[in-house]
Amino acid sequence: MADRWIWGCVNANGTTHSGSGFTVERLSNAGSYIITYDTPFSATPAVVLTQQFANPYAWDNFNYKDGMTLDNAVLVASDKTHFKLKTGDNDGNGSYRNFTFIAFGPVS
């Protein structure tokens, strides 16, 4: 059995900044998204997420002073076809934010 990586950088509005092999659905529940793999894995992959801190959502803003560790991304659910995540602000409220992900797992 082989393994496959899918990775992506996703803009707060649900468009793809970079990466391929997936589609993004931005849900109406603030900060919630579903990522669907173009080709399913043969078992649930490991998914790693991180949220980009800088606003107003500039991927290359190296002059931004610091990040806030409470601004984060959370994996809500995952299976071999897709996963759901939520991004949020430093008060724990759902908020649409740029985020990155890696999904790694087996393919038949």
PDB file of N, CA and C in Angstrom:
ATOM      1  N   MET A   1       0.847  -1.179   0.000  1.00  0.00           N
ATOM      2  CA  MET A   1       0.000   0.000   0.000  1.00  0.00           C
ATOM      3  C   MET A   1       0.891   1.239   0.000  1.00  0.00           C
ATOM      4  N   ALA A   2       0.546   2.217  -0.802  1.00  0.00           N
ATOM      5  CA  ALA A   2       1.296   3.469  -0.895  1.00  0.00           C
ATOM      6  C   ALA A   2       0.664   4.526   0.009  1.00  0.00           C
ATOM      7  N   ASP A   3       1.428   5.568   0.258  1.00  0.00           N
ATOM      8  CA  ASP A   3       0.931   6.709   1.027  1.00  0.00           C
ATOM      9  C   ASP A   3       0.879   7.932   0.133  1.00  0.00           C
ATOM     10  N   ARG A   4       0.026   8.877   0.496  1.00  0.00           N
ATOM     11  CA  ARG A   4      -0.127  10.106  -0.276  1.00  0.00           C
ATOM     12  C   ARG A   4      -0.210  11.292   0.671  1.00  0.00           C
ATOM     13  N   TRP A   5       0.338  12.415   0.206  1.00  0.00           N
ATOM     14  CA  TRP A   5       0.240  13.699   0.894  1.00  0.00           C
ATOM     15  C   TRP A   5      -0.679  14.612   0.099  1.00  0.00           C
ATOM     16  N   ILE A   6      -1.538  15.315   0.778  1.00  0.00           N
ATOM     17  CA  ILE A   6      -2.269  16.426   0.186  1.00  0.00           C
ATOM     18  C   ILE A   6      -2.041  17.604   1.128  1.00  0.00           C
ATOM     19  N   TRP A   7      -1.725  18.734   0.545  1.00  0.00           N
ATOM     20  CA  TRP A   7      -1.488  19.922   1.375  1.00  0.00           C
ATOM     21  C   TRP A   7      -2.165  21.118   0.736  1.00  0.00           C
ATOM     22  N   GLY A   8      -2.448  22.127   1.564  1.00  0.00           N
ATOM     23  CA  GLY A   8      -3.048  23.325   1.028  1.00  0.00           C
ATOM     24  C   GLY A   8      -2.902  24.524   1.940  1.00  0.00           C
ATOM     25  N   CYS A   9      -2.904  25.691   1.307  1.00  0.00           N
ATOM     26  CA  CYS A   9      -3.014  26.974   1.991  1.00  0.00           C
ATOM     27  C   CYS A   9      -4.342  27.557   1.515  1.00  0.00           C
ATOM     28  N   VAL A  10      -5.235  27.822   2.450  1.00  0.00           N
ATOM     29  CA  VAL A  10      -6.596  28.235   2.116  1.00  0.00           C
ATOM     30  C   VAL A  10      -6.849  29.639   2.655  1.00  0.00           C
ATOM     31  N   ASN A  11      -7.402  30.479   1.799  1.00  0.00           N
ATOM     32  CA  ASN A  11      -7.749  31.840   2.195  1.00  0.00           C
ATOM     33  C   ASN A  11      -9.013  31.852   3.049  1.00  0.00           C
ATOM     34  N   ALA A  12      -9.164  32.873   3.867  1.00  0.00           N
ATOM     35  CA  ALA A  12     -10.325  32.994   4.755  1.00  0.00           C
ATOM     36  C   ALA A  12     -11.648  32.909   4.001  1.00  0.00           C
ATOM     37  N   ASN A  13     -11.674  33.370   2.753  1.00  0.00           N
ATOM     38  CA  ASN A  13     -12.921  33.353   1.981  1.00  0.00           C
ATOM     39  C   ASN A  13     -13.223  31.984   1.368  1.00  0.00           C
ATOM     40  N   GLY A  14     -12.353  30.989   1.622  1.00  0.00           N
ATOM     41  CA  GLY A  14     -12.583  29.631   1.146  1.00  0.00           C
ATOM     42  C   GLY A  14     -11.949  29.322  -0.192  1.00  0.00           C
ATOM     43  N   THR A  15     -11.205  30.257  -0.766  1.00  0.00           N
ATOM     44  CA  THR A  15     -10.497  29.981  -2.009  1.00  0.00           C
ATOM     45  C   THR A  15      -9.125  29.385  -1.703  1.00  0.00           C
ATOM     46  N   THR A  16      -8.571  28.683  -2.671  1.00  0.00           N
ATOM     47  CA  THR A  16      -7.259  28.059  -2.492  1.00  0.00           C
ATOM     48  C   THR A  16      -6.163  29.051  -2.828  1.00  0.00           C
ATOM     49  N   HIS A  17      -5.268  29.284  -1.878  1.00  0.00           N
ATOM     50  CA  HIS A  17      -4.092  30.123  -2.108  1.00  0.00           C
ATOM     51  C   HIS A  17      -3.022  29.310  -2.818  1.00  0.00           C
ATOM     52  N   SER A  18      -2.793  28.085  -2.346  1.00  0.00           N
ATOM     53  CA  SER A  18      -1.864  27.161  -3.001  1.00  0.00           C
ATOM     54  C   SER A  18      -2.210  25.739  -2.575  1.00  0.00           C
ATOM     55  N   GLY A  19      -1.691  24.767  -3.349  1.00  0.00           N
ATOM     56  CA  GLY A  19      -2.000  23.362  -3.110  1.00  0.00           C
ATOM     57  C   GLY A  19      -3.016  22.870  -4.129  1.00  0.00           C
ATOM     58  N   SER A  20      -3.218  21.558  -4.154  1.00  0.00           N
ATOM     59  CA  SER A  20      -4.171  20.969  -5.097  1.00  0.00           C
ATOM     60  C   SER A  20      -4.612  19.604  -4.587  1.00  0.00           C
ATOM     61  N   GLY A  21      -5.596  19.042  -5.266  1.00  0.00           N
ATOM     62  CA  GLY A  21      -6.100  17.726  -4.882  1.00  0.00           C
ATOM     63  C   GLY A  21      -7.254  17.781  -3.896  1.00  0.00           C
ATOM     64  N   PHE A  22      -7.874  18.960  -3.753  1.00  0.00           N
ATOM     65  CA  PHE A  22      -8.956  19.125  -2.782  1.00  0.00           C
ATOM     66  C   PHE A  22      -9.855  20.265  -3.213  1.00  0.00           C
ATOM     67  N   THR A  23     -11.052  20.305  -2.632  1.00  0.00           N
ATOM     68  CA  THR A  23     -11.946  21.447  -2.763  1.00  0.00           C
ATOM     69  C   THR A  23     -12.289  21.946  -1.366  1.00  0.00           C
ATOM     70  N   VAL A  24     -12.668  23.205  -1.287  1.00  0.00           N
ATOM     71  CA  VAL A  24     -12.982  23.844   0.000  1.00  0.00           C
ATOM     72  C   VAL A  24     -14.427  24.318  -0.025  1.00  0.00           C
ATOM     73  N   GLU A  25     -15.135  24.060   1.064  1.00  0.00           N
ATOM     74  CA  GLU A  25     -16.474  24.618   1.258  1.00  0.00           C
ATOM     75  C   GLU A  25     -16.440  25.442   2.535  1.00  0.00           C
ATOM     76  N   ARG A  26     -16.726  26.715   2.418  1.00  0.00           N
ATOM     77  CA  ARG A  26     -16.812  27.571   3.602  1.00  0.00           C
ATOM     78  C   ARG A  26     -18.249  27.520   4.084  1.00  0.00           C
ATOM     79  N   LEU A  27     -18.444  27.097   5.328  1.00  0.00           N
ATOM     80  CA  LEU A  27     -19.780  26.930   5.888  1.00  0.00           C
ATOM     81  C   LEU A  27     -20.298  28.224   6.495  1.00  0.00           C
ATOM     82  N   SER A  28     -21.592  28.284   6.749  1.00  0.00           N
ATOM     83  CA  SER A  28     -22.194  29.505   7.298  1.00  0.00           C
ATOM     84  C   SER A  28     -21.880  29.700   8.778  1.00  0.00           C
ATOM     85  N   ASN A  29     -21.495  28.649   9.476  1.00  0.00           N
ATOM     86  CA  ASN A  29     -21.101  28.740  10.876  1.00  0.00           C
ATOM     87  C   ASN A  29     -19.706  29.359  10.928  1.00  0.00           C
ATOM     88  N   ALA A  30     -19.574  30.574  11.405  1.00  0.00           N
ATOM     89  CA  ALA A  30     -18.330  31.354  11.325  1.00  0.00           C
ATOM     90  C   ALA A  30     -17.090  30.532  11.663  1.00  0.00           C
ATOM     91  N   GLY A  31     -16.137  30.550  10.748  1.00  0.00           N
ATOM     92  CA  GLY A  31     -14.867  29.863  10.939  1.00  0.00           C
ATOM     93  C   GLY A  31     -14.867  28.414  10.516  1.00  0.00           C
ATOM     94  N   SER A  32     -15.987  27.877  10.059  1.00  0.00           N
ATOM     95  CA  SER A  32     -16.077  26.453   9.718  1.00  0.00           C
ATOM     96  C   SER A  32     -15.892  26.208   8.222  1.00  0.00           C
ATOM     97  N   TYR A  33     -15.143  25.158   7.914  1.00  0.00           N
ATOM     98  CA  TYR A  33     -14.857  24.768   6.536  1.00  0.00           C
ATOM     99  C   TYR A  33     -14.895  23.247   6.425  1.00  0.00           C
ATOM    100  N   ILE A  34     -15.170  22.753   5.224  1.00  0.00           N
ATOM    101  CA  ILE A  34     -15.005  21.332   4.904  1.00  0.00           C
ATOM    102  C   ILE A  34     -14.052  21.241   3.727  1.00  0.00           C
ATOM    103  N   ILE A  35     -13.041  20.408   3.877  1.00  0.00           N
ATOM    104  CA  ILE A  35     -12.082  20.112   2.814  1.00  0.00           C
ATOM    105  C   ILE A  35     -12.410  18.718   2.301  1.00  0.00           C
ATOM    106  N   THR A  36     -12.659  18.598   1.006  1.00  0.00           N
ATOM    107  CA  THR A  36     -12.958  17.309   0.388  1.00  0.00           C
ATOM    108  C   THR A  36     -11.825  16.938  -0.559  1.00  0.00           C
ATOM    109  N   TYR A  37     -11.313  15.736  -0.407  1.00  0.00           N
ATOM    110  CA  TYR A  37     -10.223  15.262  -1.258  1.00  0.00           C
ATOM    111  C   TYR A  37     -10.767  14.886  -2.628  1.00  0.00           C
ATOM    112  N   ASP A  38     -10.044  15.256  -3.689  1.00  0.00           N
ATOM    113  CA  ASP A  38     -10.461  14.887  -5.045  1.00  0.00           C
ATOM    114  C   ASP A  38     -10.496  13.364  -5.206  1.00  0.00           C
ATOM    115  N   THR A  39      -9.530  12.683  -4.595  1.00  0.00           N
ATOM    116  CA  THR A  39      -9.472  11.222  -4.588  1.00  0.00           C
ATOM    117  C   THR A  39      -9.412  10.774  -3.130  1.00  0.00           C
ATOM    118  N   PRO A  40     -10.362   9.969  -2.677  1.00  0.00           N
ATOM    119  CA  PRO A  40     -10.365   9.548  -1.271  1.00  0.00           C
ATOM    120  C   PRO A  40      -9.131   8.723  -0.903  1.00  0.00           C
ATOM    121  N   PHE A  41      -8.781   8.775   0.361  1.00  0.00           N
ATOM    122  CA  PHE A  41      -7.771   7.883   0.921  1.00  0.00           C
ATOM    123  C   PHE A  41      -8.437   6.527   1.139  1.00  0.00           C
ATOM    124  N   SER A  42      -7.647   5.475   1.360  1.00  0.00           N
ATOM    125  CA  SER A  42      -8.241   4.155   1.623  1.00  0.00           C
ATOM    126  C   SER A  42      -8.549   3.958   3.113  1.00  0.00           C
ATOM    127  N   ALA A  43      -8.052   4.858   3.950  1.00  0.00           N
ATOM    128  CA  ALA A  43      -8.363   4.891   5.382  1.00  0.00           C
ATOM    129  C   ALA A  43      -8.242   6.351   5.814  1.00  0.00           C
ATOM    130  N   THR A  44      -8.737   6.670   6.981  1.00  0.00           N
ATOM    131  CA  THR A  44      -8.682   8.046   7.470  1.00  0.00           C
ATOM    132  C   THR A  44      -7.233   8.518   7.581  1.00  0.00           C
ATOM    133  N   PRO A  45      -6.874   9.618   6.917  1.00  0.00           N
ATOM    134  CA  PRO A  45      -5.504  10.122   7.004  1.00  0.00           C
ATOM    135  C   PRO A  45      -5.285  10.944   8.269  1.00  0.00           C
ATOM    136  N   ALA A  46      -4.033  11.166   8.588  1.00  0.00           N
ATOM    137  CA  ALA A  46      -3.680  12.112   9.646  1.00  0.00           C
ATOM    138  C   ALA A  46      -3.800  13.506   9.054  1.00  0.00           C
ATOM    139  N   VAL A  47      -4.450  14.407   9.769  1.00  0.00           N
ATOM    140  CA  VAL A  47      -4.623  15.782   9.300  1.00  0.00           C
ATOM    141  C   VAL A  47      -3.991  16.713  10.326  1.00  0.00           C
ATOM    142  N   VAL A  48      -3.147  17.608   9.834  1.00  0.00           N
ATOM    143  CA  VAL A  48      -2.487  18.605  10.676  1.00  0.00           C
ATOM    144  C   VAL A  48      -2.898  19.985  10.165  1.00  0.00           C
ATOM    145  N   LEU A  49      -3.316  20.866  11.070  1.00  0.00           N
ATOM    146  CA  LEU A  49      -3.810  22.199  10.714  1.00  0.00           C
ATOM    147  C   LEU A  49      -3.035  23.273  11.447  1.00  0.00           C
ATOM    148  N   THR A  50      -2.962  24.422  10.844  1.00  0.00           N
ATOM    149  CA  THR A  50      -2.525  25.615  11.560  1.00  0.00           C
ATOM    150  C   THR A  50      -3.209  26.821  10.933  1.00  0.00           C
ATOM    151  N   GLN A  51      -3.434  27.823  11.739  1.00  0.00           N
ATOM    152  CA  GLN A  51      -4.101  29.036  11.264  1.00  0.00           C
ATOM    153  C   GLN A  51      -3.055  30.119  11.081  1.00  0.00           C
ATOM    154  N   GLN A  52      -3.184  30.897  10.021  1.00  0.00           N
ATOM    155  CA  GLN A  52      -2.300  32.033   9.835  1.00  0.00           C
ATOM    156  C   GLN A  52      -2.830  33.188  10.661  1.00  0.00           C
ATOM    157  N   PHE A  53      -1.954  33.841  11.399  1.00  0.00           N
ATOM    158  CA  PHE A  53      -2.396  34.870  12.330  1.00  0.00           C
ATOM    159  C   PHE A  53      -2.605  36.235  11.677  1.00  0.00           C
ATOM    160  N   ALA A  54      -1.684  36.652  10.826  1.00  0.00           N
ATOM    161  CA  ALA A  54      -1.672  38.035  10.322  1.00  0.00           C
ATOM    162  C   ALA A  54      -2.985  38.427   9.648  1.00  0.00           C
ATOM    163  N   ASN A  55      -3.449  39.609   9.958  1.00  0.00           N
ATOM    164  CA  ASN A  55      -4.604  40.194   9.296  1.00  0.00           C
ATOM    165  C   ASN A  55      -4.166  41.481   8.642  1.00  0.00           C
ATOM    166  N   PRO A  56      -4.660  41.931   7.555  1.00  0.00           N
ATOM    167  CA  PRO A  56      -5.827  41.390   6.886  1.00  0.00           C
ATOM    168  C   PRO A  56      -5.496  40.269   5.904  1.00  0.00           C
ATOM    169  N   TYR A  57      -5.084  39.191   6.396  1.00  0.00           N
ATOM    170  CA  TYR A  57      -4.924  37.958   5.627  1.00  0.00           C
ATOM    171  C   TYR A  57      -3.829  38.017   4.571  1.00  0.00           C
ATOM    172  N   ALA A  58      -2.763  38.726   4.836  1.00  0.00           N
ATOM    173  CA  ALA A  58      -1.628  38.777   3.921  1.00  0.00           C
ATOM    174  C   ALA A  58      -0.689  37.608   4.226  1.00  0.00           C
ATOM    175  N   TRP A  59      -0.565  36.673   3.297  1.00  0.00           N
ATOM    176  CA  TRP A  59       0.263  35.488   3.526  1.00  0.00           C
ATOM    177  C   TRP A  59       1.729  35.841   3.740  1.00  0.00           C
ATOM    178  N   ASP A  60       2.191  36.919   3.144  1.00  0.00           N
ATOM    179  CA  ASP A  60       3.623  37.238   3.201  1.00  0.00           C
ATOM    180  C   ASP A  60       3.928  38.466   4.057  1.00  0.00           C
ATOM    181  N   ASN A  61       3.128  38.732   5.081  1.00  0.00           N
ATOM    182  CA  ASN A  61       3.326  39.892   5.949  1.00  0.00           C
ATOM    183  C   ASN A  61       4.288  39.538   7.085  1.00  0.00           C
ATOM    184  N   PHE A  62       5.594  39.642   6.804  1.00  0.00           N
ATOM    185  CA  PHE A  62       6.607  39.323   7.807  1.00  0.00           C
ATOM    186  C   PHE A  62       6.817  40.452   8.802  1.00  0.00           C
ATOM    187  N   ASN A  63       6.209  41.610   8.587  1.00  0.00           N
ATOM    188  CA  ASN A  63       6.340  42.744   9.499  1.00  0.00           C
ATOM    189  C   ASN A  63       5.334  42.690  10.636  1.00  0.00           C
ATOM    190  N   TYR A  64       4.405  41.745  10.590  1.00  0.00           N
ATOM    191  CA  TYR A  64       3.424  41.613  11.665  1.00  0.00           C
ATOM    192  C   TYR A  64       4.173  41.243  12.932  1.00  0.00           C
ATOM    193  N   LYS A  65       3.931  41.927  14.038  1.00  0.00           N
ATOM    194  CA  LYS A  65       4.753  41.799  15.243  1.00  0.00           C
ATOM    195  C   LYS A  65       4.797  40.373  15.787  1.00  0.00           C
ATOM    196  N   ASP A  66       3.682  39.797  16.126  1.00  0.00           N
ATOM    197  CA  ASP A  66       3.622  38.475  16.751  1.00  0.00           C
ATOM    198  C   ASP A  66       2.284  37.838  16.472  1.00  0.00           C
ATOM    199  N   GLY A  67       2.179  36.573  16.828  1.00  0.00           N
ATOM    200  CA  GLY A  67       0.914  35.870  16.763  1.00  0.00           C
ATOM    201  C   GLY A  67       0.321  35.725  18.152  1.00  0.00           C
ATOM    202  N   MET A  68      -0.929  35.350  18.206  1.00  0.00           N
ATOM    203  CA  MET A  68      -1.609  35.089  19.468  1.00  0.00           C
ATOM    204  C   MET A  68      -1.903  33.601  19.491  1.00  0.00           C
ATOM    205  N   THR A  69      -1.405  32.895  20.468  1.00  0.00           N
ATOM    206  CA  THR A  69      -1.543  31.437  20.496  1.00  0.00           C
ATOM    207  C   THR A  69      -2.980  30.973  20.659  1.00  0.00           C
ATOM    208  N   LEU A  70      -3.879  31.847  21.081  1.00  0.00           N
ATOM    209  CA  LEU A  70      -5.282  31.465  21.200  1.00  0.00           C
ATOM    210  C   LEU A  70      -5.994  31.470  19.848  1.00  0.00           C
ATOM    211  N   ASP A  71      -5.476  32.213  18.872  1.00  0.00           N
ATOM    212  CA  ASP A  71      -6.007  32.164  17.505  1.00  0.00           C
ATOM    213  C   ASP A  71      -5.556  30.830  16.938  1.00  0.00           C
ATOM    214  N   ASN A  72      -6.496  29.975  16.551  1.00  0.00           N
ATOM    215  CA  ASN A  72      -6.099  28.610  16.240  1.00  0.00           C
ATOM    216  C   ASN A  72      -7.074  27.950  15.281  1.00  0.00           C
ATOM    217  N   ALA A  73      -6.682  26.781  14.828  1.00  0.00           N
ATOM    218  CA  ALA A  73      -7.531  25.938  13.990  1.00  0.00           C
ATOM    219  C   ALA A  73      -7.738  24.613  14.706  1.00  0.00           C
ATOM    220  N   VAL A  74      -8.947  24.078  14.635  1.00  0.00           N
ATOM    221  CA  VAL A  74      -9.299  22.846  15.319  1.00  0.00           C
ATOM    222  C   VAL A  74      -9.880  21.852  14.316  1.00  0.00           C
ATOM    223  N   LEU A  75      -9.402  20.632  14.353  1.00  0.00           N
ATOM    224  CA  LEU A  75      -9.966  19.563  13.539  1.00  0.00           C
ATOM    225  C   LEU A  75     -11.233  19.076  14.224  1.00  0.00           C
ATOM    226  N   VAL A  76     -12.368  19.181  13.548  1.00  0.00           N
ATOM    227  CA  VAL A  76     -13.653  18.804  14.124  1.00  0.00           C
ATOM    228  C   VAL A  76     -13.967  17.338  13.841  1.00  0.00           C
ATOM    229  N   ALA A  77     -13.773  16.905  12.590  1.00  0.00           N
ATOM    230  CA  ALA A  77     -14.063  15.520  12.194  1.00  0.00           C
ATOM    231  C   ALA A  77     -13.253  15.201  10.942  1.00  0.00           C
ATOM    232  N   SER A  78     -12.988  13.893  10.747  1.00  0.00           N
ATOM    233  CA  SER A  78     -12.190  13.485   9.595  1.00  0.00           C
ATOM    234  C   SER A  78     -12.546  12.056   9.195  1.00  0.00           C
ATOM    235  N   ASP A  79     -12.573  11.811   7.888  1.00  0.00           N
ATOM    236  CA  ASP A  79     -12.678  10.446   7.379  1.00  0.00           C
ATOM    237  C   ASP A  79     -11.868  10.354   6.092  1.00  0.00           C
ATOM    238  N   LYS A  80     -12.026   9.290   5.347  1.00  0.00           N
ATOM    239  CA  LYS A  80     -11.162   9.099   4.178  1.00  0.00           C
ATOM    240  C   LYS A  80     -11.532   9.984   2.992  1.00  0.00           C
ATOM    241  N   THR A  81     -12.662  10.671   3.036  1.00  0.00           N
ATOM    242  CA  THR A  81     -13.071  11.525   1.917  1.00  0.00           C
ATOM    243  C   THR A  81     -12.963  13.024   2.191  1.00  0.00           C
ATOM    244  N   HIS A  82     -13.049  13.418   3.468  1.00  0.00           N
ATOM    245  CA  HIS A  82     -13.024  14.840   3.781  1.00  0.00           C
ATOM    246  C   HIS A  82     -12.798  15.081   5.266  1.00  0.00           C
ATOM    247  N   PHE A  83     -12.567  16.349   5.615  1.00  0.00           N
ATOM    248  CA  PHE A  83     -12.490  16.713   7.030  1.00  0.00           C
ATOM    249  C   PHE A  83     -13.132  18.076   7.244  1.00  0.00           C
ATOM    250  N   LYS A  84     -13.530  18.314   8.485  1.00  0.00           N
ATOM    251  CA  LYS A  84     -14.144  19.577   8.883  1.00  0.00           C
ATOM    252  C   LYS A  84     -13.230  20.241   9.904  1.00  0.00           C
ATOM    253  N   LEU A  85     -13.085  21.556   9.786  1.00  0.00           N
ATOM    254  CA  LEU A  85     -12.259  22.292  10.732  1.00  0.00           C
ATOM    255  C   LEU A  85     -12.941  23.592  11.101  1.00  0.00           C
ATOM    256  N   LYS A  86     -12.436  24.200  12.157  1.00  0.00           N
ATOM    257  CA  LYS A  86     -12.936  25.511  12.564  1.00  0.00           C
ATOM    258  C   LYS A  86     -11.744  26.368  12.959  1.00  0.00           C
ATOM    259  N   THR A  87     -11.754  27.619  12.481  1.00  0.00           N
ATOM    260  CA  THR A  87     -10.744  28.588  12.868  1.00  0.00           C
ATOM    261  C   THR A  87     -11.393  29.629  13.764  1.00  0.00           C
ATOM    262  N   GLY A  88     -10.581  30.273  14.609  1.00  0.00           N
ATOM    263  CA  GLY A  88     -11.172  31.218  15.540  1.00  0.00           C
ATOM    264  C   GLY A  88     -10.246  32.317  15.991  1.00  0.00           C
ATOM    265  N   ASP A  89     -10.822  33.245  16.734  1.00  0.00           N
ATOM    266  CA  ASP A  89     -10.069  34.395  17.228  1.00  0.00           C
ATOM    267  C   ASP A  89      -9.552  34.147  18.642  1.00  0.00           C
ATOM    268  N   ASN A  90      -8.900  35.156  19.218  1.00  0.00           N
ATOM    269  CA  ASN A  90      -8.283  34.980  20.537  1.00  0.00           C
ATOM    270  C   ASN A  90      -9.266  35.005  21.690  1.00  0.00           C
ATOM    271  N   ASP A  91     -10.575  35.150  21.407  1.00  0.00           N
ATOM    272  CA  ASP A  91     -11.599  35.039  22.446  1.00  0.00           C
ATOM    273  C   ASP A  91     -12.355  33.720  22.351  1.00  0.00           C
ATOM    274  N   GLY A  92     -11.928  32.841  21.421  1.00  0.00           N
ATOM    275  CA  GLY A  92     -12.591  31.554  21.265  1.00  0.00           C
ATOM    276  C   GLY A  92     -13.798  31.581  20.347  1.00  0.00           C
ATOM    277  N   ASN A  93     -14.010  32.698  19.671  1.00  0.00           N
ATOM    278  CA  ASN A  93     -15.134  32.808  18.738  1.00  0.00           C
ATOM    279  C   ASN A  93     -14.727  32.305  17.360  1.00  0.00           C
ATOM    280  N   GLY A  94     -15.642  31.638  16.678  1.00  0.00           N
ATOM    281  CA  GLY A  94     -15.383  31.235  15.312  1.00  0.00           C
ATOM    282  C   GLY A  94     -15.161  32.458  14.441  1.00  0.00           C
ATOM    283  N   SER A  95     -14.133  32.389  13.598  1.00  0.00           N
ATOM    284  CA  SER A  95     -13.793  33.510  12.729  1.00  0.00           C
ATOM    285  C   SER A  95     -13.120  32.958  11.476  1.00  0.00           C
ATOM    286  N   TYR A  96     -13.547  33.412  10.310  1.00  0.00           N
ATOM    287  CA  TYR A  96     -12.936  32.945   9.072  1.00  0.00           C
ATOM    288  C   TYR A  96     -11.504  33.483   8.993  1.00  0.00           C
ATOM    289  N   ARG A  97     -10.559  32.573   8.853  1.00  0.00           N
ATOM    290  CA  ARG A  97      -9.140  32.928   8.813  1.00  0.00           C
ATOM    291  C   ARG A  97      -8.429  32.076   7.763  1.00  0.00           C
ATOM    292  N   ASN A  98      -7.286  32.587   7.295  1.00  0.00           N
ATOM    293  CA  ASN A  98      -6.410  31.774   6.460  1.00  0.00           C
ATOM    294  C   ASN A  98      -5.907  30.597   7.288  1.00  0.00           C
ATOM    295  N   PHE A  99      -5.746  29.441   6.647  1.00  0.00           N
ATOM    296  CA  PHE A  99      -5.192  28.291   7.359  1.00  0.00           C
ATOM    297  C   PHE A  99      -4.439  27.399   6.381  1.00  0.00           C
ATOM    298  N   THR A 100      -3.614  26.542   6.942  1.00  0.00           N
ATOM    299  CA  THR A 100      -2.892  25.550   6.152  1.00  0.00           C
ATOM    300  C   THR A 100      -3.202  24.168   6.692  1.00  0.00           C
ATOM    301  N   PHE A 101      -3.040  23.156   5.849  1.00  0.00           N
ATOM    302  CA  PHE A 101      -3.249  21.786   6.297  1.00  0.00           C
ATOM    303  C   PHE A 101      -2.358  20.834   5.524  1.00  0.00           C
ATOM    304  N   ILE A 102      -2.121  19.694   6.124  1.00  0.00           N
ATOM    305  CA  ILE A 102      -1.479  18.547   5.489  1.00  0.00           C
ATOM    306  C   ILE A 102      -2.312  17.337   5.850  1.00  0.00           C
ATOM    307  N   ALA A 103      -2.655  16.516   4.859  1.00  0.00           N
ATOM    308  CA  ALA A 103      -3.311  15.240   5.104  1.00  0.00           C
ATOM    309  C   ALA A 103      -2.380  14.150   4.548  1.00  0.00           C
ATOM    310  N   PHE A 104      -2.081  13.165   5.393  1.00  0.00           N
ATOM    311  CA  PHE A 104      -1.148  12.101   5.011  1.00  0.00           C
ATOM    312  C   PHE A 104      -1.777  10.768   5.351  1.00  0.00           C
ATOM    313  N   GLY A 105      -1.863   9.870   4.370  1.00  0.00           N
ATOM    314  CA  GLY A 105      -2.460   8.584   4.646  1.00  0.00           C
ATOM    315  C   GLY A 105      -2.343   7.617   3.490  1.00  0.00           C
ATOM    316  N   PRO A 106      -2.910   6.427   3.666  1.00  0.00           N
ATOM    317  CA  PRO A 106      -2.779   5.356   2.675  1.00  0.00           C
ATOM    318  C   PRO A 106      -3.743   5.504   1.504  1.00  0.00           C
ATOM    319  N   VAL A 107      -3.285   5.042   0.369  1.00  0.00           N
ATOM    320  CA  VAL A 107      -4.132   4.932  -0.819  1.00  0.00           C
ATOM    321  C   VAL A 107      -4.000   3.508  -1.353  1.00  0.00           C
ATOM    322  N   SER A 108      -5.055   3.012  -1.958  1.00  0.00           N
ATOM    323  CA  SER A 108      -5.029   1.637  -2.470  1.00  0.00           C
ATOM    324  C   SER A 108      -4.254   1.560  -3.760  1.00  0.00           C
TER     325      SER A 108
END
